[in-house]
Amino acid sequence: MLINQAWAQGAGGSTGGGIESMLLIVLMFVVLYFLMIRPQMKRAKEHKAMIDALQKGDEVVTNGGVLGRISKLNENYVTLEIAANVQIQVQRPSVQVILPKGTIKNIQ
């Protein structure tokens, strides 16, 4: 009546789209690798090297923002002196930055 019948049409699109779509997916993965994955792996490698190089007497900042001087080192933990006669124990990976010597002056 008011609606015409719809007739199915044959595939009129391109038939060689498989290779182009595969190349697009590969290109997207390459861009993702160079923009996200590779820099993150580089930062993780640098952080592990910094954690392995910790020494007694280093002045550090933890992920929580606590400043302190390393007084004891363990395989998994670091003891930080954050004030005179005040020590806390944190995990080694929680150390974020090693500060230059003499940055923290109020710890005696």
Protein backbone atom coordinates (compact mmCIF):
# COMPACT_ATOMS: atom_id res chain seq x y z
CA MET A 1 0.00 0.00 0.00
CA LEU A 2 2.01 2.93 1.24
CA ILE A 3 5.29 1.05 1.75
CA ASN A 4 7.12 -0.36 -1.23
CA GLN A 5 8.63 -3.77 -1.07
CA ALA A 6 12.37 -3.87 -0.35
CA TRP A 7 14.35 -6.13 -2.61
CA ALA A 8 17.64 -7.62 -1.44
CA GLN A 9 20.56 -6.34 -3.43
CA GLY A 10 23.70 -8.17 -4.31
CA ALA A 11 27.07 -7.35 -2.75
CA GLY A 12 28.09 -4.23 -4.61
CA GLY A 13 30.97 -3.28 -2.29
CA SER A 14 34.65 -3.86 -2.76
CA THR A 15 35.85 -7.44 -2.63
CA GLY A 16 39.51 -6.79 -1.73
CA GLY A 17 39.02 -5.18 1.72
CA GLY A 18 40.73 -7.95 3.71
CA ILE A 19 44.31 -6.83 3.16
CA GLU A 20 43.58 -3.14 3.80
CA SER A 21 41.80 -3.85 7.09
CA MET A 22 44.63 -6.12 8.22
CA LEU A 23 47.20 -3.42 7.41
CA LEU A 24 45.14 -0.87 9.34
CA ILE A 25 45.10 -3.10 12.44
CA VAL A 26 48.86 -3.68 12.21
CA LEU A 27 49.48 0.06 11.77
CA MET A 28 47.34 0.83 14.82
CA PHE A 29 49.30 -1.68 16.91
CA VAL A 30 52.63 -0.18 15.78
CA VAL A 31 51.48 3.32 16.72
CA LEU A 32 50.20 2.05 20.09
CA TYR A 33 53.53 0.33 20.74
CA PHE A 34 55.65 3.41 20.04
CA LEU A 35 53.38 5.89 21.83
CA MET A 36 52.38 3.92 24.94
CA ILE A 37 54.03 0.55 25.53
CA ARG A 38 57.67 1.37 24.74
CA PRO A 39 57.92 4.54 26.91
CA GLN A 40 56.25 2.74 29.82
CA MET A 41 58.73 -0.15 29.58
CA LYS A 42 61.62 2.35 29.48
CA ARG A 43 60.35 4.13 32.63
CA ALA A 44 59.91 0.80 34.44
CA LYS A 45 63.46 -0.22 33.53
CA GLU A 46 64.86 3.11 34.80
CA HIS A 47 62.87 2.80 38.06
CA LYS A 48 64.17 -0.74 38.66
CA ALA A 49 67.75 0.44 38.11
CA MET A 50 67.19 3.30 40.57
CA ILE A 51 65.73 0.93 43.19
CA ASP A 52 68.69 -1.44 42.80
CA ALA A 53 71.15 1.45 43.24
CA LEU A 54 69.77 2.65 46.60
CA GLN A 55 72.42 3.08 49.31
CA LYS A 56 72.47 3.92 52.98
CA GLY A 57 72.50 7.71 53.41
CA ASP A 58 70.58 8.50 50.20
CA GLU A 59 67.85 11.09 50.55
CA VAL A 60 64.63 9.95 48.88
CA VAL A 61 60.97 10.77 48.32
CA THR A 62 58.37 8.00 48.51
CA ASN A 63 55.21 7.67 46.40
CA GLY A 64 53.25 9.11 49.32
CA GLY A 65 55.42 12.24 49.41
CA VAL A 66 57.42 11.36 52.52
CA LEU A 67 60.98 12.72 52.50
CA GLY A 68 63.66 10.87 54.40
CA ARG A 69 67.20 9.60 54.57
CA ILE A 70 67.85 5.86 54.20
CA SER A 71 69.17 4.42 57.44
CA LYS A 72 68.80 0.68 56.72
CA LEU A 73 68.37 -1.38 53.58
CA ASN A 74 66.78 -4.78 53.29
CA GLU A 75 66.04 -6.93 50.26
CA ASN A 76 62.40 -5.82 50.22
CA TYR A 77 62.23 -2.87 52.64
CA VAL A 78 63.92 0.47 53.26
CA THR A 79 64.04 2.16 56.66
CA LEU A 80 63.79 5.94 56.34
CA GLU A 81 64.69 8.46 58.99
CA ILE A 82 62.11 11.21 58.53
CA ALA A 83 62.96 13.24 61.65
CA ALA A 84 65.36 12.99 64.57
CA ASN A 85 64.84 9.53 66.14
CA VAL A 86 61.79 8.86 63.94
CA GLN A 87 62.10 6.00 61.48
CA ILE A 88 59.58 4.37 59.18
CA GLN A 89 59.82 1.28 57.06
CA VAL A 90 58.58 1.30 53.44
CA GLN A 91 58.81 -1.12 50.56
CA ARG A 92 61.66 -0.55 48.13
CA PRO A 93 59.46 0.00 45.05
CA SER A 94 57.63 2.81 46.86
CA VAL A 95 60.75 4.98 46.61
CA GLN A 96 60.00 7.39 43.79
CA VAL A 97 62.95 9.80 43.55
CA ILE A 98 66.50 10.00 44.87
CA LEU A 99 67.23 13.58 45.92
CA PRO A 100 70.63 15.28 45.67
CA LYS A 101 72.78 15.06 48.81
CA GLY A 102 72.07 17.83 51.32
CA THR A 103 68.48 18.45 50.24
CA ILE A 104 67.07 17.43 53.61
CA LYS A 105 68.88 19.46 56.25
CA ASN A 106 66.62 19.29 59.30
CA ILE A 107 67.30 15.60 60.10
CA GLN A 108 70.11 15.42 62.63
